[in-house]
Amino acid sequence: MVPTIDAFRCDGCGICVLKCPPQVMGVVKEVAVIITDLCDECGICNDVCPVGAVRFKLPERHYQPAHPAYRAVSR
């Protein structure tokens, strides 16, 4: 899962920046930012955020519908 920062909730305290193991977070204009390509996705930033500004979302993947020959087996 990829972490994202809610800019409206973030107060720029910097706790997540200090606790980030790969050190890919920073504070820009009093809002935390993260380089998601270098993130280890450990979740520590989400755990230490006192205002709940860090959220995790699944990466966007292109869904391919099932092949027409495939039939689901009912249980």
Protein backbone atom coordinates (compact mmCIF):
# COMPACT_ATOMS: atom_id res chain seq x y z
CA MET A 1 0.00 0.00 0.00
CA VAL A 2 1.21 3.46 -0.81
CA PRO A 3 1.12 6.16 1.90
CA THR A 4 -0.31 9.57 1.08
CA ILE A 5 -0.46 12.76 3.10
CA ASP A 6 -3.74 14.61 3.64
CA ALA A 7 -2.52 18.21 3.28
CA PHE A 8 -5.61 19.62 4.99
CA ARG A 9 -5.05 17.55 8.14
CA CYS A 10 -1.26 17.77 8.34
CA ASP A 11 -0.03 20.41 10.78
CA GLY A 12 3.64 20.10 9.83
CA CYS A 13 4.84 18.77 13.20
CA GLY A 14 7.49 16.60 11.51
CA ILE A 15 7.16 13.54 13.75
CA CYS A 16 6.66 11.30 10.72
CA VAL A 17 9.78 12.78 9.12
CA LEU A 18 11.89 11.95 12.18
CA LYS A 19 10.55 8.39 12.46
CA CYS A 20 10.76 7.45 8.75
CA PRO A 21 13.37 4.63 8.48
CA PRO A 22 14.32 5.18 4.80
CA GLN A 23 14.26 8.98 5.33
CA VAL A 24 12.13 9.73 2.29
CA MET A 25 9.84 12.24 4.03
CA GLY A 26 10.19 15.95 4.53
CA VAL A 27 8.22 19.08 5.38
CA VAL A 28 7.53 21.59 2.62
CA LYS A 29 5.53 24.75 3.38
CA GLU A 30 4.45 23.30 6.74
CA VAL A 31 3.04 20.11 5.18
CA ALA A 32 4.66 16.67 5.21
CA VAL A 33 5.60 15.19 1.84
CA ILE A 34 6.82 11.76 0.86
CA ILE A 35 8.69 10.32 -2.10
CA THR A 36 6.45 7.33 -2.71
CA ASP A 37 8.80 5.66 -5.22
CA LEU A 38 11.46 5.23 -2.52
CA CYS A 39 9.09 4.37 0.34
CA ASP A 40 9.45 0.99 2.08
CA GLU A 41 5.72 1.04 2.95
CA CYS A 42 6.45 0.13 6.58
CA GLY A 43 3.52 2.12 8.01
CA ILE A 44 5.46 3.85 10.79
CA CYS A 45 4.46 7.29 9.49
CA ASN A 46 0.81 6.32 9.82
CA ASP A 47 1.34 4.97 13.35
CA VAL A 48 3.12 8.07 14.70
CA CYS A 49 1.00 10.79 13.08
CA PRO A 50 -0.92 12.49 15.92
CA VAL A 51 -3.57 14.02 13.63
CA GLY A 52 -4.15 11.08 11.26
CA ALA A 53 -2.89 12.87 8.16
CA VAL A 54 -1.06 9.85 6.72
CA ARG A 55 -3.26 7.43 4.85
CA PHE A 56 -2.55 4.28 2.94
CA LYS A 57 -4.20 3.51 -0.38
CA LEU A 58 -3.78 0.62 -2.72
CA PRO A 59 -1.83 1.33 -5.90
CA GLU A 60 -3.94 1.77 -8.99
CA ARG A 61 -3.89 -1.37 -11.04
CA HIS A 62 -5.54 -1.93 -14.33
CA TYR A 63 -8.22 -4.52 -13.81
CA GLN A 64 -8.65 -6.99 -16.60
CA PRO A 65 -12.07 -8.62 -16.75
CA ALA A 66 -12.26 -12.36 -16.63
CA HIS A 67 -11.91 -14.24 -19.87
CA PRO A 68 -15.33 -15.06 -21.40
CA ALA A 69 -14.51 -18.77 -21.29
CA TYR A 70 -14.00 -18.66 -17.53
CA ARG A 71 -16.98 -19.59 -15.38
CA ALA A 72 -17.07 -19.11 -11.63
CA VAL A 73 -17.84 -22.21 -9.62
CA SER A 74 -20.68 -21.67 -7.19
CA ARG A 75 -20.11 -22.77 -3.62
